[in-house]
C-alpha atoms as a PDB file:
ATOM      1  CA  MET A   1       7.921   5.650 -13.392  1.00  0.00           C
ATOM      2  CA  ALA A   2       8.607   6.391  -9.736  1.00  0.00           C
ATOM      3  CA  ILE A   3       7.047   4.946  -6.605  1.00  0.00           C
ATOM      4  CA  ARG A   4       7.375   6.886  -3.372  1.00  0.00           C
ATOM      5  CA  LEU A   5       5.954   6.823   0.139  1.00  0.00           C
ATOM      6  CA  SER A   6       3.280   9.249   1.210  1.00  0.00           C
ATOM      7  CA  GLU A   7       4.604  12.446   2.745  1.00  0.00           C
ATOM      8  CA  ASP A   8       2.215  11.962   5.694  1.00  0.00           C
ATOM      9  CA  LYS A   9       4.652  10.461   8.225  1.00  0.00           C
ATOM     10  CA  GLU A  10       1.909   9.545  10.715  1.00  0.00           C
ATOM     11  CA  LEU A  11      -0.044   7.669   8.024  1.00  0.00           C
ATOM     12  CA  VAL A  12       3.093   5.839   6.877  1.00  0.00           C
ATOM     13  CA  GLN A  13       3.891   4.759  10.441  1.00  0.00           C
ATOM     14  CA  GLU A  14       0.307   3.627  11.085  1.00  0.00           C
ATOM     15  CA  ILE A  15       0.061   1.625   7.847  1.00  0.00           C
ATOM     16  CA  ARG A  16       3.473  -0.004   8.403  1.00  0.00           C
ATOM     17  CA  GLU A  17       2.385  -1.090  11.908  1.00  0.00           C
ATOM     18  CA  LYS A  18      -0.841  -2.531  10.489  1.00  0.00           C
ATOM     19  CA  LEU A  19       1.124  -4.348   7.763  1.00  0.00           C
ATOM     20  CA  LYS A  20       3.293  -6.002  10.434  1.00  0.00           C
ATOM     21  CA  GLU A  21       0.212  -7.028  12.419  1.00  0.00           C
ATOM     22  CA  ASN A  22      -1.418  -8.356   9.241  1.00  0.00           C
ATOM     23  CA  ASP A  23       1.570 -10.422   7.992  1.00  0.00           C
ATOM     24  CA  GLY A  24       2.234  -7.983   5.137  1.00  0.00           C
ATOM     25  CA  TYR A  25      -1.304  -7.990   3.761  1.00  0.00           C
ATOM     26  CA  CYS A  26      -3.001  -4.696   3.006  1.00  0.00           C
ATOM     27  CA  PRO A  27      -4.905  -3.588   6.101  1.00  0.00           C
ATOM     28  CA  CYS A  28      -7.561  -2.034   3.835  1.00  0.00           C
ATOM     29  CA  LYS A  29      -8.556  -5.366   2.280  1.00  0.00           C
ATOM     30  CA  ILE A  30     -10.612  -8.111   3.898  1.00  0.00           C
ATOM     31  CA  GLU A  31      -9.140 -11.044   1.961  1.00  0.00           C
ATOM     32  CA  LYS A  32      -5.612 -12.295   2.566  1.00  0.00           C
ATOM     33  CA  THR A  33      -4.416 -13.454  -0.850  1.00  0.00           C
ATOM     34  CA  GLU A  34      -1.294 -12.881  -2.925  1.00  0.00           C
ATOM     35  CA  ASP A  35      -3.264 -10.100  -4.670  1.00  0.00           C
ATOM     36  CA  THR A  36      -3.629  -8.214  -1.377  1.00  0.00           C
ATOM     37  CA  LYS A  37      -0.025  -8.621  -0.188  1.00  0.00           C
ATOM     38  CA  CYS A  38       1.608  -5.175  -0.022  1.00  0.00           C
ATOM     39  CA  MET A  39       2.246  -3.784  -2.718  1.00  0.00           C
ATOM     40  CA  CYS A  40      -1.117  -5.131  -3.757  1.00  0.00           C
ATOM     41  CA  LYS A  41      -1.951  -6.252  -7.280  1.00  0.00           C
ATOM     42  CA  GLU A  42      -4.360  -3.333  -7.708  1.00  0.00           C
ATOM     43  CA  PHE A  43      -1.553  -0.824  -7.093  1.00  0.00           C
ATOM     44  CA  ARG A  44       1.014  -2.703  -9.180  1.00  0.00           C
ATOM     45  CA  GLU A  45      -1.335  -2.659 -12.171  1.00  0.00           C
ATOM     46  CA  GLN A  46      -2.419   0.982 -11.980  1.00  0.00           C
ATOM     47  CA  GLU A  47      -0.628   3.587 -14.095  1.00  0.00           C
ATOM     48  CA  THR A  48      -0.392   6.457 -11.591  1.00  0.00           C
ATOM     49  CA  GLY A  49      -1.884   7.575  -8.278  1.00  0.00           C
ATOM     50  CA  GLU A  50      -1.834   6.269  -4.750  1.00  0.00           C
ATOM     51  CA  CYS A  51      -2.559   2.829  -3.420  1.00  0.00           C
ATOM     52  CA  HIS A  52      -5.834   2.137  -1.654  1.00  0.00           C
ATOM     53  CA  CYS A  53      -4.462   2.745   1.843  1.00  0.00           C
ATOM     54  CA  GLY A  54      -2.418   5.794   0.774  1.00  0.00           C
ATOM     55  CA  LEU A  55       1.008   4.402   1.691  1.00  0.00           C
ATOM     56  CA  PHE A  56       2.507   4.469  -1.816  1.00  0.00           C
ATOM     57  CA  ILE A  57       2.205   6.949  -4.682  1.00  0.00           C
ATOM     58  CA  LYS A  58       3.074   6.089  -8.286  1.00  0.00           C
ATOM     59  CA  GLU A  59       4.155   8.869 -10.651  1.00  0.00           C
ATOM     60  CA  LYS A  60       5.344   8.990 -14.256  1.00  0.00           C
END
C-alpha cells in the first residue's frame, strides 16, 4: 500500500496552511479529537482512495 500527496500543489499548500492554523486537526472536520488529527482515523482505516480533504491518496 502506498500513500501519496495530491498532485494539486495549490490544494496541498492550502490544506497544509489550514492544518497549521488548526493545530494539526483536519480542517474539514468540526470536532478536534484524536480521530480528526491528520491523518485522520477515517483515512487510516479506509482501504484506498483519498482523504476527506483531498490531501492524501491511498493506493494498493
